[in-house]
Every structure is written in structure tokens, then in C-alpha cells.
């Protein structure tokens, strides 16, 4: 499993060393949900389970998923409309 996740990290979190990207599974899975091929997503769901994707989506940092992906993954993983995406607070 670890080598599979490192390979995903190399492709979808290319700006970080794979070990660092794998350590932040939420970020890695969000990147996969945003940029991944359907084959990579299906393989990751088989390895990690749908709950890992649900947890990552619920903990997604602001701006990591575009509106289309945010909506799609909520329908796909939770079977319901997406709530408002997380937002970054603006400095005062």
C-alpha cells in the first residue's frame, strides 16, 4: 500500500517529496479527487476504502477542490447535495 500511495503522491503532489505527501493523506486524497484519473481514484478507493475519501472531503482545506469536484464528490461519496465549500478568512 505504501508504494502505491508514494506513486500517487509523485503524480498528484509533485512539488513535495512523496514521503511528505503521503504523510498528509487528506491533502493527497483531495489532490486525487481534483486531478486524478478515474482509474487512479478507483484503485485508491479499493486500497484505502471510501471512508478515507469521505474523511478527506470533510477535512478538505479551502481552495483545494474546485466547485465542480466539490459537488461531484459530495454526490458520489455521500449521496446528497454539497454544502458550501470551506472558505479562507480574509485578513482585516
N, C-alpha and C. Protein backbone atom coordinates (compact mmCIF):
# COMPACT_ATOMS: atom_id res chain seq x y z
N UNK A 1 0.82 -1.19 0.00
CA UNK A 1 0.00 0.00 0.00
C UNK A 1 0.87 1.26 0.00
N UNK A 2 1.93 1.25 0.79
CA UNK A 2 2.78 2.44 0.90
C UNK A 2 3.41 2.82 -0.44
N UNK A 3 3.85 1.84 -1.21
CA UNK A 3 4.45 2.15 -2.51
C UNK A 3 3.40 2.70 -3.48
N UNK A 4 2.17 2.18 -3.39
CA UNK A 4 1.08 2.69 -4.21
C UNK A 4 0.81 4.16 -3.88
N UNK A 5 0.74 4.50 -2.59
CA UNK A 5 0.50 5.89 -2.18
C UNK A 5 1.64 6.80 -2.60
N UNK A 6 2.87 6.31 -2.50
CA UNK A 6 4.02 7.13 -2.95
C UNK A 6 3.92 7.42 -4.45
N UNK A 7 3.49 6.44 -5.22
CA UNK A 7 3.34 6.65 -6.66
C UNK A 7 2.25 7.69 -6.94
N UNK A 8 1.12 7.61 -6.23
CA UNK A 8 0.09 8.64 -6.37
C UNK A 8 0.65 10.01 -5.99
N UNK A 9 1.40 10.05 -4.92
CA UNK A 9 1.99 11.32 -4.46
C UNK A 9 2.92 11.90 -5.52
N UNK A 10 3.71 11.07 -6.17
CA UNK A 10 4.61 11.56 -7.22
C UNK A 10 3.83 12.23 -8.35
N UNK A 11 2.65 11.69 -8.66
CA UNK A 11 1.86 12.22 -9.78
C UNK A 11 0.99 13.41 -9.40
N UNK A 12 0.45 13.40 -8.17
CA UNK A 12 -0.57 14.40 -7.83
C UNK A 12 -0.14 15.44 -6.81
N UNK A 13 0.98 15.22 -6.16
CA UNK A 13 1.55 16.23 -5.25
C UNK A 13 3.04 16.32 -5.61
N UNK A 14 3.30 16.66 -6.87
CA UNK A 14 4.64 16.60 -7.45
C UNK A 14 5.62 17.57 -6.83
N UNK A 15 5.15 18.61 -6.16
CA UNK A 15 6.03 19.64 -5.61
C UNK A 15 6.58 19.27 -4.22
N UNK A 16 6.14 18.16 -3.67
CA UNK A 16 6.63 17.70 -2.37
C UNK A 16 7.29 16.34 -2.52
N UNK A 17 8.23 16.02 -1.63
CA UNK A 17 8.75 14.64 -1.62
C UNK A 17 7.59 13.68 -1.35
N UNK A 18 7.57 12.53 -2.00
CA UNK A 18 6.45 11.59 -1.82
C UNK A 18 6.18 11.24 -0.36
N UNK A 19 7.20 11.08 0.44
CA UNK A 19 7.01 10.72 1.85
C UNK A 19 6.22 11.81 2.59
N UNK A 20 6.52 13.05 2.28
CA UNK A 20 5.81 14.17 2.90
C UNK A 20 4.35 14.20 2.43
N UNK A 21 4.13 13.98 1.16
CA UNK A 21 2.76 13.99 0.62
C UNK A 21 1.94 12.84 1.19
N UNK A 22 2.53 11.68 1.33
CA UNK A 22 1.81 10.52 1.88
C UNK A 22 1.45 10.76 3.34
N UNK A 23 2.29 11.49 4.05
CA UNK A 23 2.03 11.77 5.47
C UNK A 23 0.78 12.63 5.65
N UNK A 24 0.45 13.45 4.67
CA UNK A 24 -0.76 14.28 4.74
C UNK A 24 -1.80 13.66 3.81
N UNK A 25 -2.42 12.59 4.26
CA UNK A 25 -3.33 11.82 3.43
C UNK A 25 -4.53 12.63 2.97
N UNK A 26 -5.02 13.54 3.81
CA UNK A 26 -6.14 14.39 3.41
C UNK A 26 -5.79 15.18 2.16
N UNK A 27 -4.65 15.81 2.18
CA UNK A 27 -4.22 16.61 1.03
C UNK A 27 -4.02 15.73 -0.20
N UNK A 28 -3.37 14.59 -0.02
CA UNK A 28 -3.13 13.68 -1.13
C UNK A 28 -4.46 13.23 -1.76
N UNK A 29 -5.41 12.83 -0.95
CA UNK A 29 -6.69 12.37 -1.49
C UNK A 29 -7.48 13.51 -2.12
N UNK A 30 -7.39 14.70 -1.56
CA UNK A 30 -8.07 15.84 -2.19
C UNK A 30 -7.45 16.16 -3.55
N UNK A 31 -6.13 16.09 -3.63
CA UNK A 31 -5.47 16.30 -4.92
C UNK A 31 -5.93 15.23 -5.92
N UNK A 32 -6.05 14.01 -5.45
CA UNK A 32 -6.50 12.92 -6.31
C UNK A 32 -7.94 13.17 -6.76
N UNK A 33 -8.80 13.63 -5.85
CA UNK A 33 -10.19 13.92 -6.23
C UNK A 33 -10.27 15.09 -7.21
N UNK A 34 -9.34 16.01 -7.13
CA UNK A 34 -9.34 17.17 -8.02
C UNK A 34 -8.71 16.84 -9.39
N UNK A 35 -7.59 16.13 -9.37
CA UNK A 35 -6.79 15.96 -10.59
C UNK A 35 -6.69 14.54 -11.12
N UNK A 36 -7.09 13.56 -10.31
CA UNK A 36 -6.82 12.17 -10.62
C UNK A 36 -7.60 11.60 -11.79
N UNK A 37 -7.02 10.59 -12.40
CA UNK A 37 -7.74 9.83 -13.41
C UNK A 37 -8.74 8.93 -12.68
N UNK A 38 -9.78 8.54 -13.39
CA UNK A 38 -10.78 7.66 -12.77
C UNK A 38 -10.14 6.34 -12.35
N UNK A 39 -9.18 5.86 -13.13
CA UNK A 39 -8.50 4.60 -12.78
C UNK A 39 -7.73 4.74 -11.48
N UNK A 40 -7.03 5.85 -11.30
CA UNK A 40 -6.29 6.07 -10.05
C UNK A 40 -7.23 6.21 -8.86
N UNK A 41 -8.33 6.92 -9.06
CA UNK A 41 -9.30 7.08 -7.97
C UNK A 41 -9.88 5.73 -7.58
N UNK A 42 -10.28 4.93 -8.56
CA UNK A 42 -10.85 3.61 -8.26
C UNK A 42 -9.84 2.72 -7.54
N UNK A 43 -8.60 2.75 -7.99
CA UNK A 43 -7.57 1.94 -7.34
C UNK A 43 -7.36 2.40 -5.90
N UNK A 44 -7.33 3.70 -5.68
CA UNK A 44 -7.14 4.23 -4.32
C UNK A 44 -8.33 3.88 -3.44
N UNK A 45 -9.53 3.92 -3.98
CA UNK A 45 -10.71 3.55 -3.20
C UNK A 45 -10.68 2.07 -2.82
N UNK A 46 -10.16 1.24 -3.72
CA UNK A 46 -10.03 -0.19 -3.39
C UNK A 46 -9.02 -0.40 -2.28
N UNK A 47 -7.93 0.33 -2.32
CA UNK A 47 -6.86 0.17 -1.33
C UNK A 47 -7.23 0.81 0.01
N UNK A 48 -7.76 2.02 -0.02
CA UNK A 48 -8.00 2.79 1.21
C UNK A 48 -9.43 2.72 1.71
N UNK A 49 -10.36 2.45 0.81
CA UNK A 49 -11.77 2.43 1.17
C UNK A 49 -12.43 3.79 0.98
N UNK A 50 -13.72 3.77 0.78
CA UNK A 50 -14.48 5.01 0.55
C UNK A 50 -14.47 5.90 1.78
N UNK A 51 -14.39 5.32 2.97
CA UNK A 51 -14.38 6.15 4.18
C UNK A 51 -13.18 7.09 4.22
N UNK A 52 -12.05 6.65 3.70
CA UNK A 52 -10.87 7.53 3.67
C UNK A 52 -11.15 8.75 2.78
N UNK A 53 -11.85 8.54 1.69
CA UNK A 53 -12.21 9.65 0.81
C UNK A 53 -13.24 10.57 1.47
N UNK A 54 -14.21 9.98 2.16
CA UNK A 54 -15.20 10.80 2.88
C UNK A 54 -14.52 11.67 3.93
N UNK A 55 -13.62 11.07 4.70
CA UNK A 55 -12.91 11.83 5.74
C UNK A 55 -12.08 12.95 5.12
N UNK A 56 -11.41 12.67 4.02
CA UNK A 56 -10.61 13.70 3.35
C UNK A 56 -11.49 14.83 2.84
N UNK A 57 -12.63 14.49 2.27
CA UNK A 57 -13.53 15.52 1.75
C UNK A 57 -14.07 16.39 2.88
N UNK A 58 -14.40 15.77 3.99
CA UNK A 58 -14.91 16.55 5.13
C UNK A 58 -13.84 17.44 5.74
N UNK A 59 -12.58 17.07 5.59
CA UNK A 59 -11.48 17.86 6.16
C UNK A 59 -10.75 18.69 5.10
N UNK A 60 -11.31 18.77 3.90
CA UNK A 60 -10.64 19.46 2.80
C UNK A 60 -10.34 20.91 3.15
N UNK A 61 -9.10 21.34 2.91
CA UNK A 61 -8.78 22.74 3.14
C UNK A 61 -9.42 23.63 2.08
N UNK A 62 -9.64 24.89 2.39
CA UNK A 62 -10.23 25.80 1.41
C UNK A 62 -9.42 25.86 0.12
N UNK A 63 -10.12 25.85 -0.99
CA UNK A 63 -9.50 26.07 -2.29
C UNK A 63 -8.87 24.86 -2.95
N UNK A 64 -8.83 23.72 -2.29
CA UNK A 64 -8.15 22.57 -2.89
C UNK A 64 -9.02 21.89 -3.95
N UNK A 65 -10.33 21.97 -3.80
CA UNK A 65 -11.25 21.40 -4.79
C UNK A 65 -12.05 22.51 -5.45
N UNK A 66 -12.13 22.45 -6.77
CA UNK A 66 -12.97 23.44 -7.44
C UNK A 66 -14.45 23.09 -7.21
N UNK A 67 -15.33 23.97 -7.60
CA UNK A 67 -16.76 23.79 -7.33
C UNK A 67 -17.31 22.51 -7.95
N UNK A 68 -16.88 22.23 -9.16
CA UNK A 68 -17.36 21.02 -9.85
C UNK A 68 -16.95 19.76 -9.10
N UNK A 69 -15.69 19.67 -8.70
CA UNK A 69 -15.21 18.49 -7.96
C UNK A 69 -15.87 18.40 -6.59
N UNK A 70 -16.00 19.54 -5.91
CA UNK A 70 -16.64 19.58 -4.60
C UNK A 70 -18.06 19.00 -4.69
N UNK A 71 -18.80 19.43 -5.70
CA UNK A 71 -20.17 18.96 -5.89
C UNK A 71 -20.20 17.48 -6.27
N UNK A 72 -19.37 17.09 -7.22
CA UNK A 72 -19.34 15.70 -7.67
C UNK A 72 -19.04 14.75 -6.52
N UNK A 73 -17.99 15.04 -5.76
CA UNK A 73 -17.58 14.11 -4.72
C UNK A 73 -18.58 14.04 -3.57
N UNK A 74 -19.26 15.11 -3.29
CA UNK A 74 -20.31 15.02 -2.27
C UNK A 74 -21.45 14.11 -2.74
N UNK A 75 -21.84 14.25 -3.98
CA UNK A 75 -22.88 13.37 -4.52
C UNK A 75 -22.38 11.93 -4.57
N UNK A 76 -21.14 11.74 -5.01
CA UNK A 76 -20.58 10.40 -5.17
C UNK A 76 -20.39 9.69 -3.83
N UNK A 77 -19.86 10.39 -2.85
CA UNK A 77 -19.49 9.76 -1.58
C UNK A 77 -20.58 9.81 -0.52
N UNK A 78 -21.43 10.83 -0.57
CA UNK A 78 -22.45 10.99 0.47
C UNK A 78 -23.87 10.87 -0.07
N UNK A 79 -24.02 10.93 -1.39
CA UNK A 79 -25.34 10.81 -1.99
C UNK A 79 -26.26 11.96 -1.67
N UNK A 80 -25.69 13.14 -1.50
CA UNK A 80 -26.51 14.31 -1.20
C UNK A 80 -25.85 15.56 -1.78
N UNK A 81 -26.60 16.65 -1.88
CA UNK A 81 -26.01 17.89 -2.39
C UNK A 81 -24.85 18.36 -1.50
N UNK A 82 -23.96 19.04 -2.12
CA UNK A 82 -22.78 19.54 -1.42
C UNK A 82 -23.12 20.75 -0.56
N UNK A 83 -22.54 20.82 0.63
CA UNK A 83 -22.68 22.05 1.41
C UNK A 83 -21.78 23.13 0.79
N UNK A 84 -21.84 24.31 1.34
CA UNK A 84 -20.93 25.36 0.88
C UNK A 84 -19.50 24.91 1.12
N UNK A 85 -18.61 25.17 0.18
CA UNK A 85 -17.21 24.75 0.37
C UNK A 85 -16.54 25.58 1.47
N UNK A 86 -15.47 25.04 2.03
CA UNK A 86 -14.75 25.82 3.05
C UNK A 86 -14.16 27.08 2.43
N UNK A 87 -14.06 28.11 3.22
CA UNK A 87 -13.51 29.38 2.72
C UNK A 87 -12.35 29.82 3.59
N UNK A 88 -11.51 30.63 3.00
CA UNK A 88 -10.39 31.21 3.74
C UNK A 88 -10.87 32.52 4.37
N UNK A 89 -10.55 32.73 5.62
CA UNK A 89 -10.91 34.03 6.21
C UNK A 89 -10.06 35.14 5.60
N UNK A 90 -10.68 36.26 5.37
CA UNK A 90 -9.95 37.41 4.83
C UNK A 90 -9.33 38.19 5.99
N UNK A 91 -8.09 38.61 5.81
CA UNK A 91 -7.47 39.43 6.87
C UNK A 91 -8.18 40.77 7.00
N UNK A 92 -8.19 41.27 8.19
CA UNK A 92 -8.82 42.58 8.41
C UNK A 92 -7.83 43.70 8.37
